[in-house]
Amino acid sequence: MLEADPGIWVTGEAGTAPAALVTMPALRPDAAVLGAQLPDGDAVSQASSKGPKYL
């Protein structure tokens, strides 16, 4: 869905909350869409608990 917008580049994807927390700092995106219902938990809460570098 996001890839259909020519002004948005999807630079990474992760299927689990821990994978997202590793991927985000490595890719340094301008914005991130985080899943609230991943199989292993809530990526939004996990990112928030890690501090401003993830927000």
N, C-alpha and C. Protein backbone atom coordinates (compact mmCIF):
# COMPACT_ATOMS: atom_id res chain seq x y z
N MET A 1 0.82 -1.18 0.00
CA MET A 1 0.00 0.00 0.00
C MET A 1 0.87 1.26 0.00
N LEU A 2 1.83 1.35 0.90
CA LEU A 2 2.71 2.52 0.94
C LEU A 2 3.58 2.61 -0.31
N GLU A 3 3.96 1.46 -0.84
CA GLU A 3 4.82 1.44 -2.01
C GLU A 3 4.15 2.03 -3.24
N ALA A 4 2.83 2.13 -3.23
CA ALA A 4 2.09 2.70 -4.37
C ALA A 4 2.26 4.21 -4.45
N ASP A 5 2.66 4.85 -3.37
CA ASP A 5 2.86 6.30 -3.35
C ASP A 5 4.27 6.61 -3.84
N PRO A 6 4.41 7.38 -4.92
CA PRO A 6 5.75 7.65 -5.46
C PRO A 6 6.64 8.49 -4.53
N GLY A 7 6.07 9.12 -3.52
CA GLY A 7 6.85 9.93 -2.59
C GLY A 7 7.32 9.17 -1.37
N ILE A 8 7.00 7.88 -1.28
CA ILE A 8 7.38 7.07 -0.13
C ILE A 8 8.26 5.91 -0.59
N TRP A 9 9.38 5.72 0.10
CA TRP A 9 10.27 4.60 -0.18
C TRP A 9 10.26 3.67 1.02
N VAL A 10 9.90 2.42 0.80
CA VAL A 10 9.97 1.42 1.87
C VAL A 10 11.40 0.92 1.89
N THR A 11 12.09 1.16 3.00
CA THR A 11 13.51 0.80 3.08
C THR A 11 13.76 -0.47 3.87
N GLY A 12 12.78 -0.93 4.61
CA GLY A 12 12.97 -2.15 5.38
C GLY A 12 11.68 -2.67 5.93
N GLU A 13 11.67 -3.95 6.22
CA GLU A 13 10.51 -4.60 6.82
C GLU A 13 11.01 -5.59 7.86
N ALA A 14 10.20 -5.82 8.88
CA ALA A 14 10.53 -6.80 9.91
C ALA A 14 9.25 -7.51 10.33
N GLY A 15 9.35 -8.78 10.58
CA GLY A 15 8.19 -9.57 10.95
C GLY A 15 7.99 -9.74 12.44
N THR A 16 8.98 -9.32 13.21
CA THR A 16 8.88 -9.43 14.67
C THR A 16 9.30 -8.12 15.31
N ALA A 17 8.87 -7.92 16.54
CA ALA A 17 9.24 -6.69 17.26
C ALA A 17 10.76 -6.59 17.46
N PRO A 18 11.45 -7.65 17.91
CA PRO A 18 12.91 -7.55 18.06
C PRO A 18 13.62 -7.24 16.74
N ALA A 19 13.14 -7.83 15.65
CA ALA A 19 13.76 -7.56 14.35
C ALA A 19 13.56 -6.10 13.96
N ALA A 20 12.41 -5.53 14.27
CA ALA A 20 12.16 -4.12 13.98
C ALA A 20 13.11 -3.23 14.77
N LEU A 21 13.37 -3.58 16.02
CA LEU A 21 14.25 -2.77 16.86
C LEU A 21 15.71 -2.83 16.41
N VAL A 22 16.08 -3.88 15.71
CA VAL A 22 17.43 -3.98 15.14
C VAL A 22 17.48 -3.24 13.80
N THR A 23 16.42 -3.37 13.03
CA THR A 23 16.38 -2.79 11.69
C THR A 23 16.30 -1.27 11.70
N MET A 24 15.49 -0.70 12.58
CA MET A 24 15.28 0.76 12.57
C MET A 24 16.58 1.56 12.74
N PRO A 25 17.39 1.29 13.76
CA PRO A 25 18.61 2.09 13.90
C PRO A 25 19.59 1.87 12.74
N ALA A 26 19.60 0.67 12.18
CA ALA A 26 20.51 0.38 11.08
C ALA A 26 20.12 1.15 9.81
N LEU A 27 18.83 1.30 9.57
CA LEU A 27 18.36 1.96 8.35
C LEU A 27 18.14 3.46 8.53
N ARG A 28 17.96 3.90 9.76
CA ARG A 28 17.74 5.31 10.10
C ARG A 28 16.65 5.95 9.24
N PRO A 29 15.43 5.42 9.29
CA PRO A 29 14.35 5.98 8.47
C PRO A 29 13.89 7.34 9.01
N ASP A 30 13.31 8.15 8.13
CA ASP A 30 12.70 9.41 8.55
C ASP A 30 11.41 9.15 9.33
N ALA A 31 10.74 8.06 9.00
CA ALA A 31 9.50 7.67 9.69
C ALA A 31 9.42 6.15 9.68
N ALA A 32 8.69 5.61 10.65
CA ALA A 32 8.51 4.17 10.73
C ALA A 32 7.05 3.85 11.03
N VAL A 33 6.55 2.81 10.39
CA VAL A 33 5.21 2.30 10.67
C VAL A 33 5.44 1.02 11.46
N LEU A 34 4.98 1.02 12.72
CA LEU A 34 5.23 -0.12 13.60
C LEU A 34 3.95 -0.90 13.84
N GLY A 35 4.08 -2.22 13.89
CA GLY A 35 2.94 -3.08 14.15
C GLY A 35 2.56 -3.12 15.62
N ALA A 36 1.28 -3.04 15.87
CA ALA A 36 0.79 -3.12 17.24
C ALA A 36 0.37 -4.54 17.59
N GLN A 37 0.29 -5.42 16.61
CA GLN A 37 -0.13 -6.79 16.87
C GLN A 37 0.76 -7.77 16.12
N LEU A 38 2.02 -7.81 16.50
CA LEU A 38 2.95 -8.78 15.93
C LEU A 38 2.88 -10.07 16.74
N PRO A 39 3.33 -11.18 16.17
CA PRO A 39 3.24 -12.47 16.87
C PRO A 39 3.95 -12.49 18.22
N ASP A 40 4.99 -11.67 18.36
CA ASP A 40 5.78 -11.70 19.60
C ASP A 40 5.60 -10.46 20.45
N GLY A 41 4.62 -9.65 20.15
CA GLY A 41 4.37 -8.48 20.98
C GLY A 41 4.08 -7.23 20.18
N ASP A 42 4.13 -6.15 20.87
CA ASP A 42 3.76 -4.84 20.34
C ASP A 42 5.04 -4.04 20.06
N ALA A 43 5.37 -3.82 18.81
CA ALA A 43 6.60 -3.11 18.45
C ALA A 43 6.56 -1.66 18.91
N VAL A 44 5.39 -1.07 18.96
CA VAL A 44 5.27 0.32 19.39
C VAL A 44 5.72 0.45 20.84
N SER A 45 5.22 -0.40 21.72
CA SER A 45 5.59 -0.35 23.14
C SER A 45 7.06 -0.69 23.34
N GLN A 46 7.55 -1.66 22.60
CA GLN A 46 8.96 -2.05 22.74
C GLN A 46 9.88 -0.92 22.28
N ALA A 47 9.54 -0.25 21.20
CA ALA A 47 10.35 0.88 20.71
C ALA A 47 10.30 2.02 21.71
N SER A 48 9.13 2.30 22.26
CA SER A 48 8.99 3.38 23.24
C SER A 48 9.84 3.12 24.47
N SER A 49 9.92 1.88 24.89
CA SER A 49 10.69 1.55 26.09
C SER A 49 12.19 1.66 25.86
N LYS A 50 12.63 1.67 24.61
CA LYS A 50 14.06 1.75 24.29
C LYS A 50 14.58 3.18 24.29
N GLY A 51 13.69 4.17 24.25
CA GLY A 51 14.14 5.56 24.31
C GLY A 51 14.02 6.30 23.00
N PRO A 52 14.45 7.56 23.00
CA PRO A 52 14.24 8.45 21.86
C PRO A 52 14.91 8.01 20.56
N LYS A 53 15.94 7.23 20.63
CA LYS A 53 16.61 6.79 19.40
C LYS A 53 15.68 5.95 18.53
N TYR A 54 14.64 5.37 19.13
CA TYR A 54 13.70 4.54 18.41
C TYR A 54 12.40 5.27 18.08
N LEU A 55 12.25 6.48 18.56
CA LEU A 55 10.99 7.20 18.35
C LEU A 55 11.13 8.28 17.32
